[in-house]
Amino acid sequence: MGYLLLAGAIAAEVAATTAMKYSEGFSRLLPSLLTALGYLVSFTLLAQTLKTVSVGTAYAIWAGIGTATIATIGVLFLGEGMTAVKAAGIALIILGVVVLNLGGAH
């Protein structure tokens, strides 16, 4: 159940960060409200996750997968460029999450 809550926390954080892009510096009401709500939901779910998943593992997965997902959304939907260095960084984040889980850190 902890990892399901963590997936929800990641999804809410990604939605909030994406909405922040459209808030234009918090000058647009709806994207600004979605940003605040998304982060509230994300932190609430992350806190619930910590009841069953170690803090180091949960935070690493939350931050790593969230960062990789936002970088991918930026490239695919927001017109941001993809360089070899950026692709390698995303791959290393994903690899790090896999190693954490395979290494028994949870």
N, C-alpha and C. Protein backbone atom coordinates (compact mmCIF):
# COMPACT_ATOMS: atom_id res chain seq x y z
N MET A 1 0.82 -1.20 0.00
CA MET A 1 0.00 0.00 0.00
C MET A 1 0.86 1.26 0.00
N GLY A 2 2.03 1.19 0.66
CA GLY A 2 2.92 2.34 0.72
C GLY A 2 3.36 2.82 -0.64
N TYR A 3 3.67 1.87 -1.51
CA TYR A 3 4.14 2.26 -2.85
C TYR A 3 3.00 2.80 -3.71
N LEU A 4 1.78 2.38 -3.45
CA LEU A 4 0.63 2.94 -4.16
C LEU A 4 0.42 4.39 -3.73
N LEU A 5 0.54 4.66 -2.44
CA LEU A 5 0.46 6.03 -1.95
C LEU A 5 1.60 6.88 -2.52
N LEU A 6 2.77 6.29 -2.61
CA LEU A 6 3.92 7.00 -3.17
C LEU A 6 3.68 7.35 -4.63
N ALA A 7 3.10 6.43 -5.38
CA ALA A 7 2.78 6.72 -6.79
C ALA A 7 1.80 7.88 -6.89
N GLY A 8 0.82 7.92 -6.00
CA GLY A 8 -0.11 9.05 -5.97
C GLY A 8 0.58 10.35 -5.62
N ALA A 9 1.52 10.29 -4.68
CA ALA A 9 2.28 11.49 -4.29
C ALA A 9 3.10 12.00 -5.47
N ILE A 10 3.69 11.09 -6.21
CA ILE A 10 4.49 11.48 -7.38
C ILE A 10 3.59 12.10 -8.44
N ALA A 11 2.44 11.48 -8.71
CA ALA A 11 1.51 12.00 -9.72
C ALA A 11 1.03 13.40 -9.34
N ALA A 12 0.71 13.60 -8.07
CA ALA A 12 0.24 14.91 -7.62
C ALA A 12 1.34 15.95 -7.73
N GLU A 13 2.57 15.57 -7.40
CA GLU A 13 3.70 16.51 -7.51
C GLU A 13 3.96 16.89 -8.95
N VAL A 14 3.90 15.91 -9.85
CA VAL A 14 4.11 16.18 -11.28
C VAL A 14 3.00 17.09 -11.82
N ALA A 15 1.76 16.83 -11.43
CA ALA A 15 0.64 17.68 -11.85
C ALA A 15 0.82 19.10 -11.33
N ALA A 16 1.23 19.23 -10.07
CA ALA A 16 1.43 20.54 -9.47
C ALA A 16 2.54 21.32 -10.16
N THR A 17 3.63 20.65 -10.45
CA THR A 17 4.75 21.32 -11.11
C THR A 17 4.38 21.73 -12.53
N THR A 18 3.64 20.88 -13.21
CA THR A 18 3.18 21.22 -14.56
C THR A 18 2.23 22.41 -14.51
N ALA A 19 1.31 22.42 -13.55
CA ALA A 19 0.39 23.55 -13.40
C ALA A 19 1.16 24.83 -13.09
N MET A 20 2.26 24.70 -12.32
CA MET A 20 3.05 25.88 -11.98
C MET A 20 3.61 26.53 -13.24
N LYS A 21 3.99 25.72 -14.21
CA LYS A 21 4.50 26.25 -15.47
C LYS A 21 3.46 27.17 -16.12
N TYR A 22 2.19 26.78 -16.01
CA TYR A 22 1.11 27.54 -16.64
C TYR A 22 0.56 28.66 -15.75
N SER A 23 1.03 28.76 -14.52
CA SER A 23 0.53 29.80 -13.61
C SER A 23 1.10 31.18 -13.92
N GLU A 24 2.14 31.22 -14.76
CA GLU A 24 2.80 32.47 -15.13
C GLU A 24 3.18 33.28 -13.89
N GLY A 25 3.98 32.64 -13.04
CA GLY A 25 4.45 33.31 -11.83
C GLY A 25 3.33 33.54 -10.83
N PHE A 26 2.39 32.62 -10.78
CA PHE A 26 1.22 32.69 -9.90
C PHE A 26 0.33 33.89 -10.20
N SER A 27 0.33 34.33 -11.45
CA SER A 27 -0.54 35.44 -11.84
C SER A 27 -1.86 34.95 -12.46
N ARG A 28 -1.96 33.65 -12.73
CA ARG A 28 -3.20 33.06 -13.24
C ARG A 28 -3.80 32.20 -12.14
N LEU A 29 -5.08 32.45 -11.84
CA LEU A 29 -5.71 31.85 -10.67
C LEU A 29 -5.82 30.33 -10.74
N LEU A 30 -6.41 29.77 -11.79
CA LEU A 30 -6.66 28.33 -11.82
C LEU A 30 -5.38 27.50 -11.76
N PRO A 31 -4.38 27.79 -12.60
CA PRO A 31 -3.14 27.01 -12.48
C PRO A 31 -2.46 27.19 -11.12
N SER A 32 -2.59 28.37 -10.52
CA SER A 32 -2.01 28.62 -9.20
C SER A 32 -2.70 27.77 -8.14
N LEU A 33 -4.02 27.70 -8.20
CA LEU A 33 -4.77 26.87 -7.26
C LEU A 33 -4.44 25.38 -7.45
N LEU A 34 -4.33 24.96 -8.71
CA LEU A 34 -3.97 23.56 -8.99
C LEU A 34 -2.58 23.24 -8.46
N THR A 35 -1.67 24.20 -8.55
CA THR A 35 -0.32 24.00 -8.01
C THR A 35 -0.37 23.78 -6.50
N ALA A 36 -1.07 24.67 -5.81
CA ALA A 36 -1.16 24.56 -4.35
C ALA A 36 -1.85 23.25 -3.93
N LEU A 37 -2.94 22.93 -4.59
CA LEU A 37 -3.66 21.70 -4.27
C LEU A 37 -2.80 20.47 -4.55
N GLY A 38 -2.12 20.47 -5.68
CA GLY A 38 -1.27 19.34 -6.05
C GLY A 38 -0.16 19.09 -5.03
N TYR A 39 0.48 20.17 -4.59
CA TYR A 39 1.54 19.99 -3.60
C TYR A 39 0.98 19.57 -2.25
N LEU A 40 -0.19 20.08 -1.88
CA LEU A 40 -0.82 19.66 -0.63
C LEU A 40 -1.13 18.16 -0.66
N VAL A 41 -1.71 17.70 -1.75
CA VAL A 41 -2.02 16.27 -1.90
C VAL A 41 -0.73 15.46 -1.91
N SER A 42 0.27 15.94 -2.64
CA SER A 42 1.53 15.21 -2.74
C SER A 42 2.19 15.02 -1.38
N PHE A 43 2.30 16.10 -0.61
CA PHE A 43 2.95 16.00 0.70
C PHE A 43 2.12 15.15 1.67
N THR A 44 0.80 15.24 1.56
CA THR A 44 -0.05 14.41 2.42
C THR A 44 0.16 12.93 2.12
N LEU A 45 0.16 12.58 0.84
CA LEU A 45 0.38 11.18 0.47
C LEU A 45 1.79 10.72 0.80
N LEU A 46 2.76 11.60 0.62
CA LEU A 46 4.14 11.25 0.97
C LEU A 46 4.25 10.98 2.47
N ALA A 47 3.60 11.79 3.27
CA ALA A 47 3.62 11.58 4.71
C ALA A 47 3.00 10.24 5.09
N GLN A 48 1.92 9.87 4.41
CA GLN A 48 1.29 8.58 4.68
C GLN A 48 2.19 7.43 4.24
N THR A 49 2.91 7.64 3.15
CA THR A 49 3.85 6.63 2.65
C THR A 49 4.91 6.30 3.70
N LEU A 50 5.34 7.32 4.43
CA LEU A 50 6.42 7.14 5.39
C LEU A 50 6.05 6.26 6.57
N LYS A 51 4.78 5.91 6.68
CA LYS A 51 4.37 4.97 7.72
C LYS A 51 4.86 3.56 7.42
N THR A 52 5.07 3.24 6.13
CA THR A 52 5.44 1.87 5.75
C THR A 52 6.71 1.77 4.91
N VAL A 53 7.19 2.88 4.39
CA VAL A 53 8.39 2.88 3.54
C VAL A 53 9.44 3.77 4.21
N SER A 54 10.69 3.34 4.21
CA SER A 54 11.74 4.14 4.85
C SER A 54 11.85 5.51 4.18
N VAL A 55 12.18 6.50 4.98
CA VAL A 55 12.21 7.88 4.49
C VAL A 55 13.22 8.07 3.36
N GLY A 56 14.39 7.45 3.47
CA GLY A 56 15.40 7.61 2.42
C GLY A 56 14.94 7.05 1.09
N THR A 57 14.35 5.88 1.13
CA THR A 57 13.86 5.26 -0.10
C THR A 57 12.68 6.02 -0.66
N ALA A 58 11.71 6.37 0.18
CA ALA A 58 10.51 7.07 -0.30
C ALA A 58 10.88 8.41 -0.91
N TYR A 59 11.72 9.17 -0.23
CA TYR A 59 12.07 10.49 -0.74
C TYR A 59 12.89 10.38 -2.03
N ALA A 60 13.80 9.44 -2.09
CA ALA A 60 14.61 9.27 -3.30
C ALA A 60 13.72 8.92 -4.49
N ILE A 61 12.78 8.03 -4.28
CA ILE A 61 11.88 7.64 -5.37
C ILE A 61 10.98 8.81 -5.74
N TRP A 62 10.41 9.49 -4.76
CA TRP A 62 9.51 10.62 -5.00
C TRP A 62 10.23 11.73 -5.78
N ALA A 63 11.40 12.10 -5.32
CA ALA A 63 12.14 13.18 -5.97
C ALA A 63 12.69 12.74 -7.32
N GLY A 64 13.24 11.53 -7.38
CA GLY A 64 13.87 11.06 -8.62
C GLY A 64 12.88 10.83 -9.74
N ILE A 65 11.82 10.09 -9.46
CA ILE A 65 10.83 9.82 -10.51
C ILE A 65 10.09 11.10 -10.87
N GLY A 66 9.80 11.94 -9.88
CA GLY A 66 9.16 13.22 -10.18
C GLY A 66 10.02 14.08 -11.09
N THR A 67 11.30 14.17 -10.79
CA THR A 67 12.23 14.96 -11.61
C THR A 67 12.33 14.41 -13.02
N ALA A 68 12.50 13.10 -13.14
CA ALA A 68 12.61 12.48 -14.46
C ALA A 68 11.32 12.67 -15.26
N THR A 69 10.18 12.55 -14.61
CA THR A 69 8.90 12.72 -15.30
C THR A 69 8.71 14.16 -15.77
N ILE A 70 9.02 15.11 -14.91
CA ILE A 70 8.89 16.53 -15.30
C ILE A 70 9.84 16.86 -16.44
N ALA A 71 11.06 16.35 -16.40
CA ALA A 71 12.01 16.59 -17.49
C ALA A 71 11.47 16.01 -18.80
N THR A 72 10.87 14.84 -18.73
CA THR A 72 10.30 14.20 -19.92
C THR A 72 9.11 14.99 -20.44
N ILE A 73 8.24 15.45 -19.55
CA ILE A 73 7.10 16.28 -19.96
C ILE A 73 7.59 17.56 -20.62
N GLY A 74 8.64 18.15 -20.07
CA GLY A 74 9.21 19.36 -20.66
C GLY A 74 9.66 19.13 -22.09
N VAL A 75 10.29 18.00 -22.33
CA VAL A 75 10.78 17.69 -23.68
C VAL A 75 9.62 17.36 -24.62
N LEU A 76 8.70 16.52 -24.16
CA LEU A 76 7.64 16.03 -25.05
C LEU A 76 6.54 17.06 -25.31
N PHE A 77 6.21 17.87 -24.29
CA PHE A 77 5.03 18.72 -24.42
C PHE A 77 5.29 20.22 -24.30
N LEU A 78 6.42 20.61 -23.76
CA LEU A 78 6.67 22.03 -23.52
C LEU A 78 7.80 22.61 -24.37
N GLY A 79 8.26 21.84 -25.32
CA GLY A 79 9.24 22.35 -26.27
C GLY A 79 10.64 22.52 -25.73
N GLU A 80 10.97 21.88 -24.63
CA GLU A 80 12.32 21.96 -24.09
C GLU A 80 13.23 21.01 -24.87
N GLY A 81 14.48 21.37 -24.97
CA GLY A 81 15.42 20.55 -25.72
C GLY A 81 15.90 19.34 -24.94
N MET A 82 16.32 18.33 -25.69
CA MET A 82 16.90 17.12 -25.09
C MET A 82 18.33 17.01 -25.58
N THR A 83 19.25 16.99 -24.65
CA THR A 83 20.65 16.79 -24.99
C THR A 83 21.07 15.42 -24.49
N ALA A 84 22.22 14.99 -24.92
CA ALA A 84 22.74 13.71 -24.44
C ALA A 84 22.98 13.76 -22.94
N VAL A 85 23.42 14.88 -22.44
CA VAL A 85 23.67 15.03 -21.00
C VAL A 85 22.36 14.95 -20.23
N LYS A 86 21.31 15.61 -20.72
CA LYS A 86 20.01 15.56 -20.05
C LYS A 86 19.46 14.13 -20.07
N ALA A 87 19.57 13.45 -21.20
CA ALA A 87 19.10 12.06 -21.30
C ALA A 87 19.87 11.16 -20.35
N ALA A 88 21.17 11.37 -20.25
CA ALA A 88 21.99 10.56 -19.34
C ALA A 88 21.60 10.83 -17.89
N GLY A 89 21.32 12.08 -17.56
CA GLY A 89 20.90 12.41 -16.21
C GLY A 89 19.59 11.74 -15.84
N ILE A 90 18.63 11.77 -16.75
CA ILE A 90 17.34 11.11 -16.50
C ILE A 90 17.56 9.60 -16.33
N ALA A 91 18.39 9.02 -17.18
CA ALA A 91 18.67 7.58 -17.08
C ALA A 91 19.33 7.24 -15.74
N LEU A 92 20.24 8.09 -15.28
CA LEU A 92 20.90 7.85 -13.99
C LEU A 92 19.91 7.95 -12.83
N ILE A 93 18.97 8.88 -12.92
CA ILE A 93 17.95 8.98 -11.87
C ILE A 93 17.15 7.69 -11.80
N ILE A 94 16.69 7.22 -12.94
CA ILE A 94 15.90 5.99 -12.99
C ILE A 94 16.73 4.81 -12.50
N LEU A 95 17.97 4.72 -12.93
CA LEU A 95 18.85 3.65 -12.47
C LEU A 95 19.03 3.70 -10.96
N GLY A 96 19.18 4.90 -10.41
CA GLY A 96 19.33 5.03 -8.97
C GLY A 96 18.12 4.53 -8.20
N VAL A 97 16.93 4.82 -8.71
CA VAL A 97 15.71 4.33 -8.07
C VAL A 97 15.64 2.81 -8.13
N VAL A 98 16.00 2.26 -9.26
CA VAL A 98 16.01 0.80 -9.40
C VAL A 98 17.00 0.17 -8.43
N VAL A 99 18.19 0.74 -8.34
CA VAL A 99 19.21 0.19 -7.43
C VAL A 99 18.74 0.29 -5.97
N LEU A 100 18.12 1.40 -5.61
CA LEU A 100 17.59 1.51 -4.25
C LEU A 100 16.61 0.39 -3.93
N ASN A 101 15.74 0.08 -4.87
CA ASN A 101 14.73 -0.95 -4.64
C ASN A 101 15.32 -2.35 -4.68
N LEU A 102 16.25 -2.59 -5.56
CA LEU A 102 16.87 -3.92 -5.64
C LEU A 102 17.85 -4.16 -4.49
N GLY A 103 18.41 -3.08 -3.98
CA GLY A 103 19.41 -3.18 -2.92
C GLY A 103 18.82 -3.41 -1.54
N GLY A 104 17.51 -3.48 -1.45
CA GLY A 104 16.89 -3.76 -0.17
C GLY A 104 16.83 -2.56 0.75
N ALA A 105 16.91 -1.34 0.20
CA ALA A 105 16.86 -0.16 1.05
C ALA A 105 15.49 0.05 1.65
N HIS A 106 14.49 -0.62 1.13
CA HIS A 106 13.13 -0.45 1.67
C HIS A 106 12.85 -1.55 2.66
